[in-house]
């Protein structure tokens, strides 16, 4: 009997300013077989219960550090919820301008951080999958 490797479920948390970057990474993750939680919440749906369920079922949370301190309020709320649920969080910096923001946001938590500057979407997706594999094995 051959055991099939389970594909990880990944929750992407990001500011709307990073939507284009995240969409490209999401496509690469899905091509690799990962299940990516989609943020497509319809009007009238219970946002908090949907987010809590999605976070609870995810193996890893990928937090894309927002471009400016204080931006990305929903992403920051998702980050707090992920930590409350004791989820593994991978912080992604789309470019080096985020480093100044990273320190103020991430000093409260212990994260693995990936500098995505110069990485292709597929290379970044592989880094995320590698981190998810470690999280699932733990």
N, C-alpha and C. Protein backbone atom coordinates (compact mmCIF):
# COMPACT_ATOMS: atom_id res chain seq x y z
N UNK A 1 0.84 -1.17 0.00
CA UNK A 1 0.00 0.00 0.00
C UNK A 1 0.89 1.24 0.00
N UNK A 2 0.63 2.17 -0.89
CA UNK A 2 1.40 3.41 -0.98
C UNK A 2 0.62 4.53 -0.32
N UNK A 3 1.30 5.24 0.58
CA UNK A 3 0.66 6.38 1.22
C UNK A 3 0.84 7.61 0.35
N UNK A 4 -0.24 8.32 0.13
CA UNK A 4 -0.16 9.56 -0.64
C UNK A 4 0.22 10.70 0.29
N UNK A 5 1.12 11.51 -0.16
CA UNK A 5 1.52 12.68 0.61
C UNK A 5 0.35 13.67 0.63
N UNK A 6 0.00 14.13 1.81
CA UNK A 6 -1.09 15.09 1.95
C UNK A 6 -0.59 16.48 1.55
N UNK A 7 -1.36 17.14 0.72
CA UNK A 7 -1.01 18.51 0.33
C UNK A 7 -1.39 19.46 1.46
N UNK A 8 -0.51 20.38 1.79
CA UNK A 8 -0.81 21.29 2.90
C UNK A 8 -1.88 22.31 2.55
N UNK A 9 -2.56 22.78 3.59
CA UNK A 9 -3.50 23.88 3.41
C UNK A 9 -2.80 25.14 3.92
N UNK A 10 -2.79 26.17 3.10
CA UNK A 10 -2.06 27.40 3.39
C UNK A 10 -3.03 28.57 3.43
N UNK A 11 -2.96 29.32 4.52
CA UNK A 11 -3.77 30.52 4.66
C UNK A 11 -2.89 31.71 4.31
N UNK A 12 -3.30 32.50 3.32
CA UNK A 12 -2.55 33.68 2.91
C UNK A 12 -3.17 34.92 3.54
N UNK A 13 -2.37 35.64 4.32
CA UNK A 13 -2.82 36.85 4.98
C UNK A 13 -2.04 38.02 4.40
N UNK A 14 -2.76 39.02 3.88
CA UNK A 14 -2.07 40.10 3.18
C UNK A 14 -2.94 41.36 3.11
N UNK A 15 -2.27 42.46 2.87
CA UNK A 15 -2.93 43.74 2.63
C UNK A 15 -3.40 43.76 1.18
N UNK A 16 -4.49 44.44 0.91
CA UNK A 16 -4.99 44.54 -0.47
C UNK A 16 -3.96 45.19 -1.39
N UNK A 17 -3.05 45.96 -0.84
CA UNK A 17 -1.99 46.57 -1.64
C UNK A 17 -1.09 45.51 -2.27
N UNK A 18 -1.09 44.31 -1.70
CA UNK A 18 -0.24 43.22 -2.19
C UNK A 18 -1.02 42.17 -2.99
N UNK A 19 -2.22 42.47 -3.39
CA UNK A 19 -3.07 41.48 -4.07
C UNK A 19 -2.42 40.89 -5.32
N UNK A 20 -1.82 41.71 -6.17
CA UNK A 20 -1.18 41.20 -7.39
C UNK A 20 -0.05 40.22 -7.07
N UNK A 21 0.79 40.57 -6.12
CA UNK A 21 1.88 39.70 -5.69
C UNK A 21 1.33 38.38 -5.17
N UNK A 22 0.32 38.46 -4.32
CA UNK A 22 -0.26 37.26 -3.70
C UNK A 22 -0.95 36.38 -4.73
N UNK A 23 -1.64 36.96 -5.69
CA UNK A 23 -2.32 36.16 -6.71
C UNK A 23 -1.32 35.31 -7.50
N UNK A 24 -0.16 35.89 -7.82
CA UNK A 24 0.87 35.13 -8.55
C UNK A 24 1.42 33.99 -7.70
N UNK A 25 1.65 34.25 -6.43
CA UNK A 25 2.14 33.20 -5.53
C UNK A 25 1.07 32.13 -5.34
N UNK A 26 -0.17 32.55 -5.20
CA UNK A 26 -1.28 31.61 -5.03
C UNK A 26 -1.37 30.64 -6.21
N UNK A 27 -1.23 31.16 -7.43
CA UNK A 27 -1.26 30.28 -8.62
C UNK A 27 -0.14 29.25 -8.56
N UNK A 28 1.06 29.67 -8.18
CA UNK A 28 2.19 28.75 -8.10
C UNK A 28 1.97 27.70 -7.02
N UNK A 29 1.43 28.11 -5.90
CA UNK A 29 1.15 27.15 -4.82
C UNK A 29 0.12 26.11 -5.27
N UNK A 30 -0.93 26.56 -5.93
CA UNK A 30 -1.97 25.64 -6.39
C UNK A 30 -1.43 24.68 -7.46
N UNK A 31 -0.55 25.17 -8.33
CA UNK A 31 0.07 24.29 -9.33
C UNK A 31 0.88 23.19 -8.66
N UNK A 32 1.42 23.49 -7.50
CA UNK A 32 2.22 22.52 -6.75
C UNK A 32 1.35 21.57 -5.92
N UNK A 33 0.05 21.77 -5.94
CA UNK A 33 -0.86 20.88 -5.24
C UNK A 33 -1.31 21.36 -3.88
N UNK A 34 -0.84 22.52 -3.45
CA UNK A 34 -1.27 23.04 -2.14
C UNK A 34 -2.71 23.51 -2.21
N UNK A 35 -3.38 23.40 -1.10
CA UNK A 35 -4.72 23.95 -0.95
C UNK A 35 -4.56 25.33 -0.34
N UNK A 36 -4.97 26.33 -1.05
CA UNK A 36 -4.81 27.71 -0.60
C UNK A 36 -6.17 28.26 -0.22
N UNK A 37 -6.25 28.79 1.00
CA UNK A 37 -7.50 29.38 1.45
C UNK A 37 -7.73 30.65 0.65
N UNK A 38 -8.89 30.73 0.06
CA UNK A 38 -9.26 31.89 -0.76
C UNK A 38 -9.96 32.90 0.12
N UNK A 39 -9.73 34.16 -0.14
CA UNK A 39 -10.32 35.22 0.67
C UNK A 39 -11.62 35.73 0.08
N UNK A 40 -12.25 34.93 -0.73
CA UNK A 40 -13.46 35.36 -1.42
C UNK A 40 -14.67 35.20 -0.48
N UNK A 41 -14.89 36.23 0.34
CA UNK A 41 -16.00 36.22 1.28
C UNK A 41 -17.11 37.08 0.70
N UNK A 42 -18.29 36.51 0.64
CA UNK A 42 -19.44 37.20 0.04
C UNK A 42 -20.10 38.13 1.06
N UNK A 43 -20.76 39.15 0.55
CA UNK A 43 -21.50 40.08 1.41
C UNK A 43 -22.53 39.30 2.22
N UNK A 44 -22.63 39.62 3.49
CA UNK A 44 -23.60 38.97 4.36
C UNK A 44 -23.07 37.75 5.07
N UNK A 45 -21.91 37.24 4.65
CA UNK A 45 -21.34 36.08 5.33
C UNK A 45 -20.71 36.49 6.65
N UNK A 46 -20.63 35.57 7.55
CA UNK A 46 -20.05 35.83 8.87
C UNK A 46 -18.52 35.77 8.76
N UNK A 47 -17.93 36.93 8.58
CA UNK A 47 -16.50 37.04 8.30
C UNK A 47 -15.67 36.37 9.37
N UNK A 48 -15.94 36.67 10.63
CA UNK A 48 -15.08 36.15 11.70
C UNK A 48 -15.15 34.63 11.82
N UNK A 49 -16.34 34.05 11.68
CA UNK A 49 -16.44 32.60 11.78
C UNK A 49 -15.79 31.92 10.57
N UNK A 50 -15.90 32.53 9.40
CA UNK A 50 -15.25 31.97 8.21
C UNK A 50 -13.74 32.02 8.36
N UNK A 51 -13.22 33.16 8.81
CA UNK A 51 -11.77 33.29 8.99
C UNK A 51 -11.25 32.33 10.07
N UNK A 52 -11.97 32.22 11.17
CA UNK A 52 -11.54 31.32 12.24
C UNK A 52 -11.49 29.88 11.75
N UNK A 53 -12.51 29.46 11.02
CA UNK A 53 -12.54 28.09 10.48
C UNK A 53 -11.37 27.88 9.51
N UNK A 54 -11.16 28.85 8.62
CA UNK A 54 -10.08 28.73 7.64
C UNK A 54 -8.72 28.68 8.33
N UNK A 55 -8.51 29.53 9.32
CA UNK A 55 -7.24 29.51 10.06
C UNK A 55 -7.07 28.21 10.82
N UNK A 56 -8.13 27.74 11.46
CA UNK A 56 -8.06 26.49 12.23
C UNK A 56 -7.68 25.30 11.36
N UNK A 57 -8.18 25.28 10.13
CA UNK A 57 -7.95 24.14 9.24
C UNK A 57 -6.63 24.23 8.47
N UNK A 58 -5.95 25.37 8.55
CA UNK A 58 -4.72 25.56 7.79
C UNK A 58 -3.51 24.99 8.53
N UNK A 59 -2.56 24.51 7.74
CA UNK A 59 -1.32 23.98 8.31
C UNK A 59 -0.33 25.08 8.61
N UNK A 60 -0.37 26.16 7.84
CA UNK A 60 0.57 27.26 7.99
C UNK A 60 -0.12 28.54 7.53
N UNK A 61 0.28 29.64 8.17
CA UNK A 61 -0.23 30.96 7.77
C UNK A 61 0.94 31.72 7.16
N UNK A 62 0.74 32.19 5.95
CA UNK A 62 1.74 33.02 5.28
C UNK A 62 1.28 34.46 5.43
N UNK A 63 2.07 35.23 6.19
CA UNK A 63 1.75 36.62 6.44
C UNK A 63 2.64 37.49 5.57
N UNK A 64 2.05 38.17 4.59
CA UNK A 64 2.80 39.06 3.72
C UNK A 64 2.89 40.40 4.45
N UNK A 65 4.10 40.77 4.82
CA UNK A 65 4.31 42.00 5.59
C UNK A 65 3.82 43.18 4.76
N UNK A 66 2.90 43.99 5.32
CA UNK A 66 2.34 45.10 4.56
C UNK A 66 3.37 46.17 4.22
N UNK A 67 3.06 46.98 3.20
CA UNK A 67 4.02 47.98 2.73
C UNK A 67 4.31 49.10 3.72
N UNK A 68 3.35 49.41 4.59
CA UNK A 68 3.53 50.52 5.52
C UNK A 68 3.05 50.12 6.91
N UNK A 69 3.76 50.59 7.91
CA UNK A 69 3.35 50.30 9.28
C UNK A 69 1.93 50.80 9.49
N UNK A 70 1.11 49.95 10.07
CA UNK A 70 -0.28 50.31 10.33
C UNK A 70 -1.23 49.98 9.19
N UNK A 71 -0.71 49.61 8.02
CA UNK A 71 -1.61 49.24 6.92
C UNK A 71 -1.93 47.76 7.03
N UNK A 72 -2.93 47.33 6.31
CA UNK A 72 -3.30 45.92 6.32
C UNK A 72 -3.96 45.50 7.63
N UNK A 73 -4.98 46.25 8.06
CA UNK A 73 -5.63 45.98 9.35
C UNK A 73 -6.20 44.56 9.44
N UNK A 74 -6.83 44.08 8.36
CA UNK A 74 -7.37 42.72 8.38
C UNK A 74 -6.24 41.70 8.50
N UNK A 75 -5.15 41.94 7.77
CA UNK A 75 -4.01 41.03 7.84
C UNK A 75 -3.46 40.98 9.26
N UNK A 76 -3.40 42.12 9.93
CA UNK A 76 -2.90 42.14 11.31
C UNK A 76 -3.85 41.40 12.25
N UNK A 77 -5.15 41.52 12.02
CA UNK A 77 -6.13 40.78 12.82
C UNK A 77 -5.98 39.28 12.58
N UNK A 78 -5.78 38.89 11.32
CA UNK A 78 -5.57 37.47 10.99
C UNK A 78 -4.29 36.95 11.63
N UNK A 79 -3.27 37.79 11.66
CA UNK A 79 -2.01 37.41 12.29
C UNK A 79 -2.20 37.14 13.78
N UNK A 80 -2.92 38.02 14.44
CA UNK A 80 -3.20 37.80 15.86
C UNK A 80 -4.01 36.54 16.10
N UNK A 81 -4.99 36.30 15.25
CA UNK A 81 -5.80 35.08 15.39
C UNK A 81 -4.96 33.83 15.15
N UNK A 82 -4.05 33.90 14.18
CA UNK A 82 -3.17 32.75 13.90
C UNK A 82 -2.30 32.44 15.11
N UNK A 83 -1.77 33.47 15.73
CA UNK A 83 -0.95 33.24 16.91
C UNK A 83 -1.78 32.69 18.07
N UNK A 84 -3.01 33.19 18.22
CA UNK A 84 -3.89 32.69 19.28
C UNK A 84 -4.21 31.22 19.07
N UNK A 85 -4.27 30.80 17.81
CA UNK A 85 -4.53 29.39 17.48
C UNK A 85 -3.25 28.57 17.44
N UNK A 86 -2.12 29.19 17.78
CA UNK A 86 -0.80 28.54 17.81
C UNK A 86 -0.40 27.97 16.45
N UNK A 87 -0.70 28.72 15.40
CA UNK A 87 -0.34 28.31 14.04
C UNK A 87 1.10 28.71 13.73
N UNK A 88 1.73 27.93 12.87
CA UNK A 88 3.04 28.29 12.36
C UNK A 88 2.83 29.44 11.39
N UNK A 89 3.62 30.50 11.54
CA UNK A 89 3.49 31.67 10.67
C UNK A 89 4.81 31.87 9.92
N UNK A 90 4.68 32.05 8.63
CA UNK A 90 5.82 32.37 7.78
C UNK A 90 5.61 33.80 7.28
N UNK A 91 6.51 34.69 7.66
CA UNK A 91 6.42 36.09 7.22
C UNK A 91 7.15 36.24 5.90
N UNK A 92 6.49 36.82 4.92
CA UNK A 92 7.09 37.03 3.60
C UNK A 92 7.22 38.52 3.35
N UNK A 93 8.42 38.91 2.96
CA UNK A 93 8.70 40.30 2.60
C UNK A 93 8.82 40.36 1.08
N UNK A 94 7.82 40.91 0.38
CA UNK A 94 7.86 40.95 -1.08
C UNK A 94 9.05 41.71 -1.66
N UNK A 95 9.53 42.69 -0.90
CA UNK A 95 10.70 43.46 -1.36
C UNK A 95 11.41 44.01 -0.14
N UNK A 96 12.58 44.54 -0.35
CA UNK A 96 13.42 44.99 0.77
C UNK A 96 12.90 46.24 1.46
N UNK A 97 11.96 46.96 0.83
CA UNK A 97 11.42 48.14 1.51
C UNK A 97 10.61 47.74 2.74
N UNK A 98 10.23 46.48 2.83
CA UNK A 98 9.40 46.01 3.95
C UNK A 98 10.21 45.77 5.22
N UNK A 99 11.52 45.72 5.12
CA UNK A 99 12.33 45.40 6.29
C UNK A 99 12.12 46.41 7.43
N UNK A 100 11.97 47.68 7.11
CA UNK A 100 11.76 48.66 8.17
C UNK A 100 10.42 48.43 8.87
N UNK A 101 9.44 47.96 8.15
CA UNK A 101 8.14 47.66 8.72
C UNK A 101 8.17 46.32 9.47
N UNK A 102 8.97 45.40 9.01
CA UNK A 102 9.05 44.06 9.58
C UNK A 102 9.38 44.11 11.07
N UNK A 103 10.35 44.92 11.44
CA UNK A 103 10.78 44.94 12.84
C UNK A 103 9.67 45.36 13.78
N UNK A 104 8.91 46.38 13.42
CA UNK A 104 7.84 46.82 14.31
C UNK A 104 6.71 45.81 14.38
N UNK A 105 6.41 45.13 13.27
CA UNK A 105 5.32 44.16 13.27
C UNK A 105 5.70 42.82 13.89
N UNK A 106 6.89 42.40 13.62
CA UNK A 106 7.25 41.02 13.96
C UNK A 106 8.04 40.88 15.25
N UNK A 107 8.38 41.99 15.89
CA UNK A 107 9.16 41.89 17.10
C UNK A 107 8.39 41.20 18.22
N UNK A 108 7.09 41.16 18.10
CA UNK A 108 6.28 40.53 19.13
C UNK A 108 6.19 39.02 18.97
N UNK A 109 6.59 38.51 17.83
CA UNK A 109 6.41 37.10 17.54
C UNK A 109 7.70 36.45 17.07
N UNK A 110 7.72 35.15 17.12
CA UNK A 110 8.86 34.38 16.64
C UNK A 110 8.47 33.76 15.30
N UNK A 111 8.99 34.35 14.21
CA UNK A 111 8.62 33.91 12.88
C UNK A 111 9.83 33.48 12.08
N UNK A 112 9.58 32.59 11.15
CA UNK A 112 10.53 32.38 10.07
C UNK A 112 10.19 33.45 9.04
N UNK A 113 11.20 34.08 8.49
CA UNK A 113 10.99 35.16 7.53
C UNK A 113 11.65 34.83 6.20
N UNK A 114 10.95 35.13 5.12
CA UNK A 114 11.49 34.91 3.78
C UNK A 114 11.55 36.25 3.05
N UNK A 115 12.73 36.60 2.57
CA UNK A 115 12.89 37.78 1.72
C UNK A 115 12.63 37.31 0.29
N UNK A 116 11.53 37.77 -0.27
CA UNK A 116 11.13 37.33 -1.61
C UNK A 116 11.75 38.17 -2.72
N UNK A 117 12.59 39.14 -2.35
CA UNK A 117 13.23 39.99 -3.35
C UNK A 117 14.00 39.13 -4.33
N UNK A 118 13.67 39.23 -5.59
CA UNK A 118 14.40 38.49 -6.62
C UNK A 118 13.98 37.03 -6.79
N UNK A 119 13.10 36.53 -5.94
CA UNK A 119 12.63 35.14 -6.09
C UNK A 119 11.49 35.08 -7.10
N UNK A 120 11.49 34.07 -7.92
CA UNK A 120 10.35 33.86 -8.81
C UNK A 120 9.17 33.37 -7.96
N UNK A 121 7.97 33.46 -8.52
CA UNK A 121 6.79 32.98 -7.80
C UNK A 121 6.92 31.51 -7.46
N UNK A 122 7.47 30.73 -8.39
CA UNK A 122 7.61 29.29 -8.13
C UNK A 122 8.65 29.01 -7.05
N UNK A 123 9.73 29.79 -7.00
CA UNK A 123 10.75 29.60 -5.96
C UNK A 123 10.17 29.98 -4.59
N UNK A 124 9.41 31.06 -4.54
CA UNK A 124 8.78 31.45 -3.29
C UNK A 124 7.75 30.40 -2.86
N UNK A 125 6.97 29.91 -3.82
CA UNK A 125 5.99 28.87 -3.51
C UNK A 125 6.68 27.64 -2.93
N UNK A 126 7.84 27.27 -3.46
CA UNK A 126 8.56 26.12 -2.94
C UNK A 126 9.04 26.37 -1.51
N UNK A 127 9.52 27.57 -1.21
CA UNK A 127 9.93 27.91 0.17
C UNK A 127 8.74 27.78 1.12
N UNK A 128 7.57 28.26 0.68
CA UNK A 128 6.37 28.17 1.52
C UNK A 128 6.00 26.71 1.73
N UNK A 129 6.03 25.91 0.65
CA UNK A 129 5.71 24.49 0.77
C UNK A 129 6.68 23.76 1.69
N UNK A 130 7.95 24.10 1.61
CA UNK A 130 8.94 23.49 2.51
C UNK A 130 8.61 23.80 3.96
N UNK A 131 8.25 25.04 4.25
CA UNK A 131 7.88 25.43 5.62
C UNK A 131 6.61 24.72 6.05
N UNK A 132 5.65 24.59 5.13
CA UNK A 132 4.39 23.90 5.46
C UNK A 132 4.65 22.43 5.76
N UNK A 133 5.56 21.82 5.03
CA UNK A 133 5.90 20.41 5.25
C UNK A 133 6.45 20.21 6.66
N UNK A 134 7.31 21.12 7.08
CA UNK A 134 7.87 21.06 8.44
C UNK A 134 6.75 21.23 9.47
N UNK A 135 5.83 22.16 9.22
CA UNK A 135 4.73 22.41 10.14
C UNK A 135 3.83 21.19 10.27
N UNK A 136 3.55 20.53 9.15
CA UNK A 136 2.67 19.36 9.15
C UNK A 136 3.35 18.20 9.89
N UNK A 137 4.65 18.07 9.75
CA UNK A 137 5.39 16.99 10.39
C UNK A 137 5.51 17.18 11.91
N UNK A 138 5.42 18.42 12.36
CA UNK A 138 5.61 18.71 13.79
C UNK A 138 4.45 18.24 14.63
